[in-house]
Amino acid sequence: MFKRNKGFTTIETVSALGIWTMITVLFIPMFHQFALKNEMARKEEEAYRLLDEQISRYTLTGSFQPQDTVVYQGTAYYIEWKEKGDDYKVCISIKPGKEQKHCLSILQTKGLYPS
């Protein structure tokens, strides 16, 4: 009707809205998954730091608790020591009994502690 109409038509507006909706629907879950992986990597890094701290404490004092729970920044970490021959196997997990454990082995030391 109007020869010099320079605005957007309804079809163009709905198409643009549809495109933005599709982009949002595709990218929001991806960003959420990225945030979850980032948080899990941070917790894993803290778990290794706590494990190193427990091993250092054993190296200095010669004593440890066979099972211990450490709460750090609102997350509970479960530490478990197992004797395996001449070594100790030290494992840490975020949830008790969870399959995903991070373990390190340390040689048993007897009589090498500072006084």
PDB file of N, CA and C in Angstrom:
ATOM      1  N   MET A   1       0.796  -1.176   0.000  1.00  0.00           N
ATOM      2  CA  MET A   1       0.000   0.000   0.000  1.00  0.00           C
ATOM      3  C   MET A   1       0.850   1.256   0.000  1.00  0.00           C
ATOM      4  N   PHE A   2       1.818   1.298   0.925  1.00  0.00           N
ATOM      5  CA  PHE A   2       2.683   2.473   0.960  1.00  0.00           C
ATOM      6  C   PHE A   2       3.902   2.189   0.106  1.00  0.00           C
ATOM      7  N   LYS A   3       4.197   3.074  -0.810  1.00  0.00           N
ATOM      8  CA  LYS A   3       5.311   2.838  -1.717  1.00  0.00           C
ATOM      9  C   LYS A   3       6.659   3.005  -1.038  1.00  0.00           C
ATOM     10  N   ARG A   4       6.775   3.885  -0.093  1.00  0.00           N
ATOM     11  CA  ARG A   4       8.081   4.168   0.513  1.00  0.00           C
ATOM     12  C   ARG A   4       8.136   3.717   1.976  1.00  0.00           C
ATOM     13  N   ASN A   5       7.688   2.547   2.243  1.00  0.00           N
ATOM     14  CA  ASN A   5       7.728   1.997   3.593  1.00  0.00           C
ATOM     15  C   ASN A   5       9.135   1.460   3.847  1.00  0.00           C
ATOM     16  N   LYS A   6       9.852   2.017   4.825  1.00  0.00           N
ATOM     17  CA  LYS A   6      11.227   1.602   5.082  1.00  0.00           C
ATOM     18  C   LYS A   6      11.355   0.826   6.394  1.00  0.00           C
ATOM     19  N   GLY A   7      10.285   0.359   6.969  1.00  0.00           N
ATOM     20  CA  GLY A   7      10.315  -0.399   8.221  1.00  0.00           C
ATOM     21  C   GLY A   7      10.426  -1.894   7.949  1.00  0.00           C
ATOM     22  N   PHE A   8      10.435  -2.658   9.015  1.00  0.00           N
ATOM     23  CA  PHE A   8      10.492  -4.109   8.895  1.00  0.00           C
ATOM     24  C   PHE A   8       9.088  -4.672   8.766  1.00  0.00           C
ATOM     25  N   THR A   9       8.970  -5.712   7.986  1.00  0.00           N
ATOM     26  CA  THR A   9       7.676  -6.372   7.878  1.00  0.00           C
ATOM     27  C   THR A   9       7.541  -7.385   9.010  1.00  0.00           C
ATOM     28  N   THR A  10       6.363  -7.849   9.202  1.00  0.00           N
ATOM     29  CA  THR A  10       6.101  -8.829  10.261  1.00  0.00           C
ATOM     30  C   THR A  10       6.878 -10.116  10.013  1.00  0.00           C
ATOM     31  N   ILE A  11       6.970 -10.535   8.779  1.00  0.00           N
ATOM     32  CA  ILE A  11       7.694 -11.765   8.442  1.00  0.00           C
ATOM     33  C   ILE A  11       9.176 -11.626   8.774  1.00  0.00           C
ATOM     34  N   GLU A  12       9.761 -10.510   8.458  1.00  0.00           N
ATOM     35  CA  GLU A  12      11.175 -10.291   8.782  1.00  0.00           C
ATOM     36  C   GLU A  12      11.403 -10.302  10.284  1.00  0.00           C
ATOM     37  N   THR A  13      10.512  -9.655  11.032  1.00  0.00           N
ATOM     38  CA  THR A  13      10.644  -9.586  12.486  1.00  0.00           C
ATOM     39  C   THR A  13      10.505 -10.970  13.114  1.00  0.00           C
ATOM     40  N   VAL A  14       9.530 -11.729  12.685  1.00  0.00           N
ATOM     41  CA  VAL A  14       9.325 -13.083  13.210  1.00  0.00           C
ATOM     42  C   VAL A  14      10.502 -13.976  12.834  1.00  0.00           C
ATOM     43  N   SER A  15      11.026 -13.830  11.636  1.00  0.00           N
ATOM     44  CA  SER A  15      12.189 -14.620  11.213  1.00  0.00           C
ATOM     45  C   SER A  15      13.407 -14.298  12.068  1.00  0.00           C
ATOM     46  N   ALA A  16      13.649 -13.025  12.306  1.00  0.00           N
ATOM     47  CA  ALA A  16      14.787 -12.633  13.142  1.00  0.00           C
ATOM     48  C   ALA A  16      14.617 -13.148  14.568  1.00  0.00           C
ATOM     49  N   LEU A  17      13.423 -13.059  15.102  1.00  0.00           N
ATOM     50  CA  LEU A  17      13.156 -13.571  16.442  1.00  0.00           C
ATOM     51  C   LEU A  17      13.364 -15.085  16.493  1.00  0.00           C
ATOM     52  N   GLY A  18      12.943 -15.779  15.453  1.00  0.00           N
ATOM     53  CA  GLY A  18      13.146 -17.228  15.378  1.00  0.00           C
ATOM     54  C   GLY A  18      14.616 -17.599  15.332  1.00  0.00           C
ATOM     55  N   ILE A  19      15.390 -16.841  14.576  1.00  0.00           N
ATOM     56  CA  ILE A  19      16.836 -17.104  14.494  1.00  0.00           C
ATOM     57  C   ILE A  19      17.492 -16.890  15.853  1.00  0.00           C
ATOM     58  N   TRP A  20      17.158 -15.798  16.530  1.00  0.00           N
ATOM     59  CA  TRP A  20      17.730 -15.539  17.857  1.00  0.00           C
ATOM     60  C   TRP A  20      17.293 -16.601  18.868  1.00  0.00           C
ATOM     61  N   THR A  21      16.074 -17.071  18.751  1.00  0.00           N
ATOM     62  CA  THR A  21      15.604 -18.137  19.641  1.00  0.00           C
ATOM     63  C   THR A  21      16.400 -19.412  19.411  1.00  0.00           C
ATOM     64  N   MET A  22      16.642 -19.768  18.172  1.00  0.00           N
ATOM     65  CA  MET A  22      17.424 -20.971  17.858  1.00  0.00           C
ATOM     66  C   MET A  22      18.852 -20.851  18.379  1.00  0.00           C
ATOM     67  N   ILE A  23      19.450 -19.693  18.190  1.00  0.00           N
ATOM     68  CA  ILE A  23      20.813 -19.480  18.689  1.00  0.00           C
ATOM     69  C   ILE A  23      20.840 -19.634  20.205  1.00  0.00           C
ATOM     70  N   THR A  24      19.865 -19.049  20.883  1.00  0.00           N
ATOM     71  CA  THR A  24      19.800 -19.136  22.339  1.00  0.00           C
ATOM     72  C   THR A  24      19.594 -20.573  22.795  1.00  0.00           C
ATOM     73  N   VAL A  25      18.695 -21.284  22.149  1.00  0.00           N
ATOM     74  CA  VAL A  25      18.408 -22.668  22.523  1.00  0.00           C
ATOM     75  C   VAL A  25      19.635 -23.553  22.318  1.00  0.00           C
ATOM     76  N   LEU A  26      20.438 -23.267  21.334  1.00  0.00           N
ATOM     77  CA  LEU A  26      21.620 -24.081  21.071  1.00  0.00           C
ATOM     78  C   LEU A  26      22.794 -23.729  21.979  1.00  0.00           C
ATOM     79  N   PHE A  27      22.991 -22.461  22.280  1.00  0.00           N
ATOM     80  CA  PHE A  27      24.195 -22.053  22.996  1.00  0.00           C
ATOM     81  C   PHE A  27      24.078 -22.057  24.516  1.00  0.00           C
ATOM     82  N   ILE A  28      22.903 -21.841  25.066  1.00  0.00           N
ATOM     83  CA  ILE A  28      22.786 -21.825  26.531  1.00  0.00           C
ATOM     84  C   ILE A  28      23.155 -23.179  27.143  1.00  0.00           C
ATOM     85  N   PRO A  29      22.672 -24.317  26.638  1.00  0.00           N
ATOM     86  CA  PRO A  29      23.111 -25.593  27.216  1.00  0.00           C
ATOM     87  C   PRO A  29      24.617 -25.829  27.062  1.00  0.00           C
ATOM     88  N   MET A  30      25.177 -25.357  25.965  1.00  0.00           N
ATOM     89  CA  MET A  30      26.610 -25.523  25.761  1.00  0.00           C
ATOM     90  C   MET A  30      27.393 -24.720  26.798  1.00  0.00           C
ATOM     91  N   PHE A  31      26.985 -23.493  27.069  1.00  0.00           N
ATOM     92  CA  PHE A  31      27.651 -22.684  28.089  1.00  0.00           C
ATOM     93  C   PHE A  31      27.457 -23.279  29.476  1.00  0.00           C
ATOM     94  N   HIS A  32      26.289 -23.839  29.732  1.00  0.00           N
ATOM     95  CA  HIS A  32      26.035 -24.478  31.021  1.00  0.00           C
ATOM     96  C   HIS A  32      26.944 -25.693  31.207  1.00  0.00           C
ATOM     97  N   GLN A  33      27.078 -26.497  30.169  1.00  0.00           N
ATOM     98  CA  GLN A  33      27.964 -27.666  30.230  1.00  0.00           C
ATOM     99  C   GLN A  33      29.410 -27.229  30.441  1.00  0.00           C
ATOM    100  N   PHE A  34      29.814 -26.163  29.798  1.00  0.00           N
ATOM    101  CA  PHE A  34      31.163 -25.628  29.983  1.00  0.00           C
ATOM    102  C   PHE A  34      31.379 -25.200  31.429  1.00  0.00           C
ATOM    103  N   ALA A  35      30.389 -24.547  32.026  1.00  0.00           N
ATOM    104  CA  ALA A  35      30.501 -24.109  33.420  1.00  0.00           C
ATOM    105  C   ALA A  35      30.592 -25.309  34.362  1.00  0.00           C
ATOM    106  N   LEU A  36      29.830 -26.365  34.093  1.00  0.00           N
ATOM    107  CA  LEU A  36      29.895 -27.567  34.929  1.00  0.00           C
ATOM    108  C   LEU A  36      31.260 -28.237  34.833  1.00  0.00           C
ATOM    109  N   LYS A  37      31.806 -28.329  33.630  1.00  0.00           N
ATOM    110  CA  LYS A  37      33.131 -28.931  33.458  1.00  0.00           C
ATOM    111  C   LYS A  37      34.202 -28.098  34.142  1.00  0.00           C
ATOM    112  N   ASN A  38      34.075 -26.786  34.072  1.00  0.00           N
ATOM    113  CA  ASN A  38      35.027 -25.894  34.725  1.00  0.00           C
ATOM    114  C   ASN A  38      34.981 -26.082  36.242  1.00  0.00           C
ATOM    115  N   GLU A  39      33.795 -26.192  36.805  1.00  0.00           N
ATOM    116  CA  GLU A  39      33.631 -26.406  38.243  1.00  0.00           C
ATOM    117  C   GLU A  39      34.211 -27.763  38.659  1.00  0.00           C
ATOM    118  N   MET A  40      33.979 -28.797  37.858  1.00  0.00           N
ATOM    119  CA  MET A  40      34.517 -30.124  38.173  1.00  0.00           C
ATOM    120  C   MET A  40      36.038 -30.119  38.093  1.00  0.00           C
ATOM    121  N   ALA A  41      36.603 -29.413  37.142  1.00  0.00           N
ATOM    122  CA  ALA A  41      38.062 -29.317  37.037  1.00  0.00           C
ATOM    123  C   ALA A  41      38.643 -28.599  38.251  1.00  0.00           C
ATOM    124  N   ARG A  42      37.949 -27.579  38.740  1.00  0.00           N
ATOM    125  CA  ARG A  42      38.406 -26.862  39.934  1.00  0.00           C
ATOM    126  C   ARG A  42      38.376 -27.782  41.154  1.00  0.00           C
ATOM    127  N   LYS A  43      37.312 -28.573  41.286  1.00  0.00           N
ATOM    128  CA  LYS A  43      37.214 -29.502  42.413  1.00  0.00           C
ATOM    129  C   LYS A  43      38.282 -30.590  42.324  1.00  0.00           C
ATOM    130  N   GLU A  44      38.565 -31.043  41.120  1.00  0.00           N
ATOM    131  CA  GLU A  44      39.603 -32.055  40.927  1.00  0.00           C
ATOM    132  C   GLU A  44      40.974 -31.499  41.303  1.00  0.00           C
ATOM    133  N   GLU A  45      41.234 -30.262  40.934  1.00  0.00           N
ATOM    134  CA  GLU A  45      42.494 -29.611  41.288  1.00  0.00           C
ATOM    135  C   GLU A  45      42.619 -29.474  42.804  1.00  0.00           C
ATOM    136  N   GLU A  46      41.538 -29.098  43.467  1.00  0.00           N
ATOM    137  CA  GLU A  46      41.545 -28.995  44.929  1.00  0.00           C
ATOM    138  C   GLU A  46      41.756 -30.364  45.563  1.00  0.00           C
ATOM    139  N   ALA A  47      41.180 -31.409  44.960  1.00  0.00           N
ATOM    140  CA  ALA A  47      41.357 -32.760  45.489  1.00  0.00           C
ATOM    141  C   ALA A  47      42.828 -33.161  45.452  1.00  0.00           C
ATOM    142  N   TYR A  48      43.506 -32.886  44.355  1.00  0.00           N
ATOM    143  CA  TYR A  48      44.929 -33.214  44.272  1.00  0.00           C
ATOM    144  C   TYR A  48      45.750 -32.387  45.264  1.00  0.00           C
ATOM    145  N   ARG A  49      45.366 -31.142  45.464  1.00  0.00           N
ATOM    146  CA  ARG A  49      46.077 -30.308  46.433  1.00  0.00           C
ATOM    147  C   ARG A  49      45.900 -30.856  47.850  1.00  0.00           C
ATOM    148  N   LEU A  50      44.678 -31.257  48.195  1.00  0.00           N
ATOM    149  CA  LEU A  50      44.424 -31.832  49.516  1.00  0.00           C
ATOM    150  C   LEU A  50      45.138 -33.172  49.686  1.00  0.00           C
ATOM    151  N   LEU A  51      45.198 -33.957  48.628  1.00  0.00           N
ATOM    152  CA  LEU A  51      45.902 -35.234  48.671  1.00  0.00           C
ATOM    153  C   LEU A  51      47.388 -35.010  48.911  1.00  0.00           C
ATOM    154  N   ASP A  52      47.954 -34.038  48.230  1.00  0.00           N
ATOM    155  CA  ASP A  52      49.362 -33.697  48.428  1.00  0.00           C
ATOM    156  C   ASP A  52      49.609 -33.216  49.858  1.00  0.00           C
ATOM    157  N   GLU A  53      48.677 -32.458  50.388  1.00  0.00           N
ATOM    158  CA  GLU A  53      48.799 -31.968  51.762  1.00  0.00           C
ATOM    159  C   GLU A  53      48.778 -33.129  52.763  1.00  0.00           C
ATOM    160  N   GLN A  54      47.911 -34.111  52.540  1.00  0.00           N
ATOM    161  CA  GLN A  54      47.844 -35.274  53.433  1.00  0.00           C
ATOM    162  C   GLN A  54      49.134 -36.092  53.366  1.00  0.00           C
ATOM    163  N   ILE A  55      49.674 -36.263  52.176  1.00  0.00           N
ATOM    164  CA  ILE A  55      50.920 -37.018  52.021  1.00  0.00           C
ATOM    165  C   ILE A  55      52.072 -36.268  52.675  1.00  0.00           C
ATOM    166  N   SER A  56      52.106 -34.959  52.525  1.00  0.00           N
ATOM    167  CA  SER A  56      53.160 -34.161  53.168  1.00  0.00           C
ATOM    168  C   SER A  56      53.066 -34.263  54.685  1.00  0.00           C
ATOM    169  N   ARG A  57      51.851 -34.243  55.215  1.00  0.00           N
ATOM    170  CA  ARG A  57      51.665 -34.376  56.661  1.00  0.00           C
ATOM    171  C   ARG A  57      52.171 -35.741  57.138  1.00  0.00           C
ATOM    172  N   TYR A  58      51.879 -36.806  56.363  1.00  0.00           N
ATOM    173  CA  TYR A  58      52.376 -38.134  56.723  1.00  0.00           C
ATOM    174  C   TYR A  58      53.898 -38.171  56.674  1.00  0.00           C
ATOM    175  N   THR A  59      54.480 -37.554  55.668  1.00  0.00           N
ATOM    176  CA  THR A  59      55.938 -37.549  55.526  1.00  0.00           C
ATOM    177  C   THR A  59      56.597 -36.854  56.706  1.00  0.00           C
ATOM    178  N   LEU A  60      55.978 -35.796  57.222  1.00  0.00           N
ATOM    179  CA  LEU A  60      56.560 -35.053  58.340  1.00  0.00           C
ATOM    180  C   LEU A  60      56.288 -35.690  59.698  1.00  0.00           C
ATOM    181  N   THR A  61      55.106 -36.250  59.893  1.00  0.00           N
ATOM    182  CA  THR A  61      54.740 -36.753  61.220  1.00  0.00           C
ATOM    183  C   THR A  61      54.763 -38.266  61.330  1.00  0.00           C
ATOM    184  N   GLY A  62      54.587 -38.958  60.232  1.00  0.00           N
ATOM    185  CA  GLY A  62      54.563 -40.415  60.263  1.00  0.00           C
ATOM    186  C   GLY A  62      53.211 -40.988  60.658  1.00  0.00           C
ATOM    187  N   SER A  63      52.215 -40.150  60.815  1.00  0.00           N
ATOM    188  CA  SER A  63      50.894 -40.647  61.194  1.00  0.00           C
ATOM    189  C   SER A  63      49.845 -40.159  60.194  1.00  0.00           C
ATOM    190  N   PHE A  64      48.770 -40.905  60.131  1.00  0.00           N
ATOM    191  CA  PHE A  64      47.659 -40.545  59.254  1.00  0.00           C
ATOM    192  C   PHE A  64      46.395 -41.187  59.797  1.00  0.00           C
ATOM    193  N   GLN A  65      45.262 -40.715  59.342  1.00  0.00           N
ATOM    194  CA  GLN A  65      43.981 -41.333  59.674  1.00  0.00           C
ATOM    195  C   GLN A  65      43.581 -42.207  58.493  1.00  0.00           C
ATOM    196  N   PRO A  66      43.244 -43.487  58.742  1.00  0.00           N
ATOM    197  CA  PRO A  66      42.908 -44.376  57.622  1.00  0.00           C
ATOM    198  C   PRO A  66      41.774 -43.844  56.744  1.00  0.00           C
ATOM    199  N   GLN A  67      40.799 -43.184  57.368  1.00  0.00           N
ATOM    200  CA  GLN A  67      39.716 -42.564  56.601  1.00  0.00           C
ATOM    201  C   GLN A  67      39.469 -41.186  57.181  1.00  0.00           C
ATOM    202  N   ASP A  68      39.385 -40.210  56.318  1.00  0.00           N
ATOM    203  CA  ASP A  68      39.239 -38.831  56.775  1.00  0.00           C
ATOM    204  C   ASP A  68      38.321 -38.097  55.803  1.00  0.00           C
ATOM    205  N   THR A  69      37.612 -37.129  56.330  1.00  0.00           N
ATOM    206  CA  THR A  69      36.769 -36.265  55.508  1.00  0.00           C
ATOM    207  C   THR A  69      37.223 -34.835  55.706  1.00  0.00           C
ATOM    208  N   VAL A  70      37.523 -34.163  54.613  1.00  0.00           N
ATOM    209  CA  VAL A  70      37.950 -32.768  54.655  1.00  0.00           C
ATOM    210  C   VAL A  70      36.910 -31.944  53.900  1.00  0.00           C
ATOM    211  N   VAL A  71      36.399 -30.911  54.545  1.00  0.00           N
ATOM    212  CA  VAL A  71      35.450 -30.011  53.889  1.00  0.00           C
ATOM    213  C   VAL A  71      36.202 -28.744  53.513  1.00  0.00           C
ATOM    214  N   TYR A  72      36.203 -28.442  52.220  1.00  0.00           N
ATOM    215  CA  TYR A  72      36.896 -27.262  51.722  1.00  0.00           C
ATOM    216  C   TYR A  72      35.977 -26.531  50.760  1.00  0.00           C
ATOM    217  N   GLN A  73      35.695 -25.293  51.040  1.00  0.00           N
ATOM    218  CA  GLN A  73      34.829 -24.432  50.226  1.00  0.00           C
ATOM    219  C   GLN A  73      33.485 -25.094  49.930  1.00  0.00           C
ATOM    220  N   GLY A  74      32.908 -25.710  50.954  1.00  0.00           N
ATOM    221  CA  GLY A  74      31.581 -26.298  50.824  1.00  0.00           C
ATOM    222  C   GLY A  74      31.535 -27.655  50.154  1.00  0.00           C
ATOM    223  N   THR A  75      32.665 -28.227  49.804  1.00  0.00           N
ATOM    224  CA  THR A  75      32.719 -29.540  49.171  1.00  0.00           C
ATOM    225  C   THR A  75      33.426 -30.507  50.105  1.00  0.00           C
ATOM    226  N   ALA A  76      32.830 -31.670  50.332  1.00  0.00           N
ATOM    227  CA  ALA A  76      33.432 -32.692  51.190  1.00  0.00           C
ATOM    228  C   ALA A  76      34.296 -33.618  50.336  1.00  0.00           C
ATOM    229  N   TYR A  77      35.530 -33.786  50.755  1.00  0.00           N
ATOM    230  CA  TYR A  77      36.473 -34.681  50.084  1.00  0.00           C
ATOM    231  C   TYR A  77      36.755 -35.847  51.029  1.00  0.00           C
ATOM    232  N   TYR A  78      36.662 -37.071  50.525  1.00  0.00           N
ATOM    233  CA  TYR A  78      36.860 -38.269  51.327  1.00  0.00           C
ATOM    234  C   TYR A  78      38.223 -38.864  50.996  1.00  0.00           C
ATOM    235  N   ILE A  79      39.058 -38.995  52.030  1.00  0.00           N
ATOM    236  CA  ILE A  79      40.428 -39.484  51.854  1.00  0.00           C
ATOM    237  C   ILE A  79      40.528 -40.849  52.519  1.00  0.00           C
ATOM    238  N   GLU A  80      41.134 -41.789  51.809  1.00  0.00           N
ATOM    239  CA  GLU A  80      41.249 -43.152  52.312  1.00  0.00           C
ATOM    240  C   GLU A  80      42.673 -43.662  52.085  1.00  0.00           C
ATOM    241  N   TRP A  81      43.274 -44.190  53.147  1.00  0.00           N
ATOM    242  CA  TRP A  81      44.616 -44.758  53.089  1.00  0.00           C
ATOM    243  C   TRP A  81      44.490 -46.274  53.115  1.00  0.00           C
ATOM    244  N   LYS A  82      45.207 -46.958  52.224  1.00  0.00           N
ATOM    245  CA  LYS A  82      45.229 -48.424  52.202  1.00  0.00           C
ATOM    246  C   LYS A  82      46.678 -48.879  52.137  1.00  0.00           C
ATOM    247  N   GLU A  83      46.984 -49.907  52.917  1.00  0.00           N
ATOM    248  CA  GLU A  83      48.338 -50.462  52.884  1.00  0.00           C
ATOM    249  C   GLU A  83      48.399 -51.472  51.749  1.00  0.00           C
ATOM    250  N   LYS A  84      49.425 -51.334  50.929  1.00  0.00           N
ATOM    251  CA  LYS A  84      49.570 -52.208  49.769  1.00  0.00           C
ATOM    252  C   LYS A  84      51.037 -52.624  49.684  1.00  0.00           C
ATOM    253  N   GLY A  85      51.385 -53.730  50.344  1.00  0.00           N
ATOM    254  CA  GLY A  85      52.777 -54.178  50.370  1.00  0.00           C
ATOM    255  C   GLY A  85      53.630 -53.204  51.153  1.00  0.00           C
ATOM    256  N   ASP A  86      54.683 -52.689  50.526  1.00  0.00           N
ATOM    257  CA  ASP A  86      55.558 -51.703  51.164  1.00  0.00           C
ATOM    258  C   ASP A  86      55.087 -50.275  50.916  1.00  0.00           C
ATOM    259  N   ASP A  87      53.959 -50.124  50.292  1.00  0.00           N
ATOM    260  CA  ASP A  87      53.456 -48.795  49.940  1.00  0.00           C
ATOM    261  C   ASP A  87      52.132 -48.522  50.640  1.00  0.00           C
ATOM    262  N   TYR A  88      51.797 -47.258  50.663  1.00  0.00           N
ATOM    263  CA  TYR A  88      50.449 -46.833  51.024  1.00  0.00           C
ATOM    264  C   TYR A  88      49.797 -46.293  49.760  1.00  0.00           C
ATOM    265  N   LYS A  89      48.556 -46.667  49.567  1.00  0.00           N
ATOM    266  CA  LYS A  89      47.779 -46.116  48.463  1.00  0.00           C
ATOM    267  C   LYS A  89      46.813 -45.111  49.083  1.00  0.00           C
ATOM    268  N   VAL A  90      46.929 -43.860  48.671  1.00  0.00           N
ATOM    269  CA  VAL A  90      46.102 -42.790  49.212  1.00  0.00           C
ATOM    270  C   VAL A  90      45.130 -42.363  48.116  1.00  0.00           C
ATOM    271  N   CYS A  91      43.840 -42.474  48.417  1.00  0.00           N
ATOM    272  CA  CYS A  91      42.815 -42.130  47.427  1.00  0.00           C
ATOM    273  C   CYS A  91      41.924 -41.020  47.966  1.00  0.00           C
ATOM    274  N   ILE A  92      41.472 -40.175  47.074  1.00  0.00           N
ATOM    275  CA  ILE A  92      40.554 -39.097  47.425  1.00  0.00           C
ATOM    276  C   ILE A  92      39.415 -39.100  46.422  1.00  0.00           C
ATOM    277  N   SER A  93      38.212 -38.867  46.935  1.00  0.00           N
ATOM    278  CA  SER A  93      37.036 -38.761  46.068  1.00  0.00           C
ATOM    279  C   SER A  93      36.124 -37.678  46.618  1.00  0.00           C
ATOM    280  N   ILE A  94      35.269 -37.180  45.763  1.00  0.00           N
ATOM    281  CA  ILE A  94      34.363 -36.112  46.183  1.00  0.00           C
ATOM    282  C   ILE A  94      33.131 -36.703  46.857  1.00  0.00           C
ATOM    283  N   LYS A  95      32.684 -37.860  46.411  1.00  0.00           N
ATOM    284  CA  LYS A  95      31.549 -38.535  47.037  1.00  0.00           C
ATOM    285  C   LYS A  95      32.022 -39.888  47.554  1.00  0.00           C
ATOM    286  N   PRO A  96      31.539 -40.308  48.735  1.00  0.00           N
ATOM    287  CA  PRO A  96      32.006 -41.588  49.282  1.00  0.00           C
ATOM    288  C   PRO A  96      31.562 -42.758  48.411  1.00  0.00           C
ATOM    289  N   GLY A  97      32.484 -43.692  48.195  1.00  0.00           N
ATOM    290  CA  GLY A  97      32.176 -44.876  47.415  1.00  0.00           C
ATOM    291  C   GLY A  97      32.063 -44.638  45.924  1.00  0.00           C
ATOM    292  N   LYS A  98      32.334 -43.444  45.476  1.00  0.00           N
ATOM    293  CA  LYS A  98      32.222 -43.141  44.045  1.00  0.00           C
ATOM    294  C   LYS A  98      33.379 -43.798  43.296  1.00  0.00           C
ATOM    295  N   GLU A  99      33.093 -44.242  42.100  1.00  0.00           N
ATOM    296  CA  GLU A  99      34.100 -44.919  41.292  1.00  0.00           C
ATOM    297  C   GLU A  99      35.241 -43.995  40.894  1.00  0.00           C
ATOM    298  N   GLN A 100      34.965 -42.731  40.721  1.00  0.00           N
ATOM    299  CA  GLN A 100      35.989 -41.796  40.263  1.00  0.00           C
ATOM    300  C   GLN A 100      36.831 -41.341  41.451  1.00  0.00           C
ATOM    301  N   LYS A 101      37.912 -42.076  41.681  1.00  0.00           N
ATOM    302  CA  LYS A 101      38.839 -41.732  42.750  1.00  0.00           C
ATOM    303  C   LYS A 101      40.157 -41.330  42.118  1.00  0.00           C
ATOM    304  N   HIS A 102      40.867 -40.475  42.812  1.00  0.00           N
ATOM    305  CA  HIS A 102      42.206 -40.093  42.390  1.00  0.00           C
ATOM    306  C   HIS A 102      43.152 -40.663  43.438  1.00  0.00           C
ATOM    307  N   CYS A 103      44.074 -41.508  43.006  1.00  0.00           N
ATOM    308  CA  CYS A 103      44.935 -42.211  43.949  1.00  0.00           C
ATOM    309  C   CYS A 103      46.407 -41.954  43.640  1.00  0.00           C
ATOM    310  N   LEU A 104      47.192 -41.936  44.694  1.00  0.00           N
ATOM    311  CA  LEU A 104      48.645 -41.851  44.594  1.00  0.00           C
ATOM    312  C   LEU A 104      49.239 -42.897  45.525  1.00  0.00           C
ATOM    313  N   SER A 105      50.411 -43.389  45.187  1.00  0.00           N
ATOM    314  CA  SER A 105      51.107 -44.340  46.047  1.00  0.00           C
ATOM    315  C   SER A 105      52.302 -43.657  46.679  1.00  0.00           C
ATOM    316  N   ILE A 106      52.556 -44.020  47.935  1.00  0.00           N
ATOM    317  CA  ILE A 106      53.691 -43.453  48.655  1.00  0.00           C
ATOM    318  C   ILE A 106      54.378 -44.591  49.399  1.00  0.00           C
ATOM    319  N   LEU A 107      55.687 -44.575  49.388  1.00  0.00           N
ATOM    320  CA  LEU A 107      56.476 -45.592  50.069  1.00  0.00           C
ATOM    321  C   LEU A 107      56.371 -45.386  51.574  1.00  0.00           C
ATOM    322  N   GLN A 108      56.172 -46.481  52.307  1.00  0.00           N
ATOM    323  CA  GLN A 108      56.118 -46.381  53.764  1.00  0.00           C
ATOM    324  C   GLN A 108      57.484 -45.975  54.287  1.00  0.00           C
ATOM    325  N   THR A 109      57.491 -45.007  55.172  1.00  0.00           N
ATOM    326  CA  THR A 109      58.744 -44.577  55.787  1.00  0.00           C
ATOM    327  C   THR A 109      58.662 -44.860  57.271  1.00  0.00           C
ATOM    328  N   LYS A 110      59.712 -45.440  57.826  1.00  0.00           N
ATOM    329  CA  LYS A 110      59.723 -45.771  59.250  1.00  0.00           C
ATOM    330  C   LYS A 110      60.963 -45.162  59.875  1.00  0.00           C
ATOM    331  N   GLY A 111      60.749 -44.293  60.837  1.00  0.00           N
ATOM    332  CA  GLY A 111      61.864 -43.719  61.586  1.00  0.00           C
ATOM    333  C   GLY A 111      62.561 -42.557  60.919  1.00  0.00           C
ATOM    334  N   LEU A 112      61.969 -41.947  59.918  1.00  0.00           N
ATOM    335  CA  LEU A 112      62.620 -40.839  59.230  1.00  0.00           C
ATOM    336  C   LEU A 112      61.967 -39.494  59.534  1.00  0.00           C
ATOM    337  N   TYR A 113      61.256 -39.396  60.639  1.00  0.00           N
ATOM    338  CA  TYR A 113      60.493 -38.197  60.922  1.00  0.00           C
ATOM    339  C   TYR A 113      61.318 -37.225  61.740  1.00  0.00           C
ATOM    340  N   PRO A 114      61.149 -35.930  61.516  1.00  0.00           N
ATOM    341  CA  PRO A 114      61.887 -34.944  62.314  1.00  0.00           C
ATOM    342  C   PRO A 114      61.388 -34.945  63.754  1.00  0.00           C
ATOM    343  N   SER A 115      62.278 -34.644  64.668  1.00  0.00           N
ATOM    344  CA  SER A 115      61.883 -34.670  66.086  1.00  0.00           C
ATOM    345  C   SER A 115      61.270 -33.370  66.533  1.00  0.00           C
TER     346      SER A 115
END
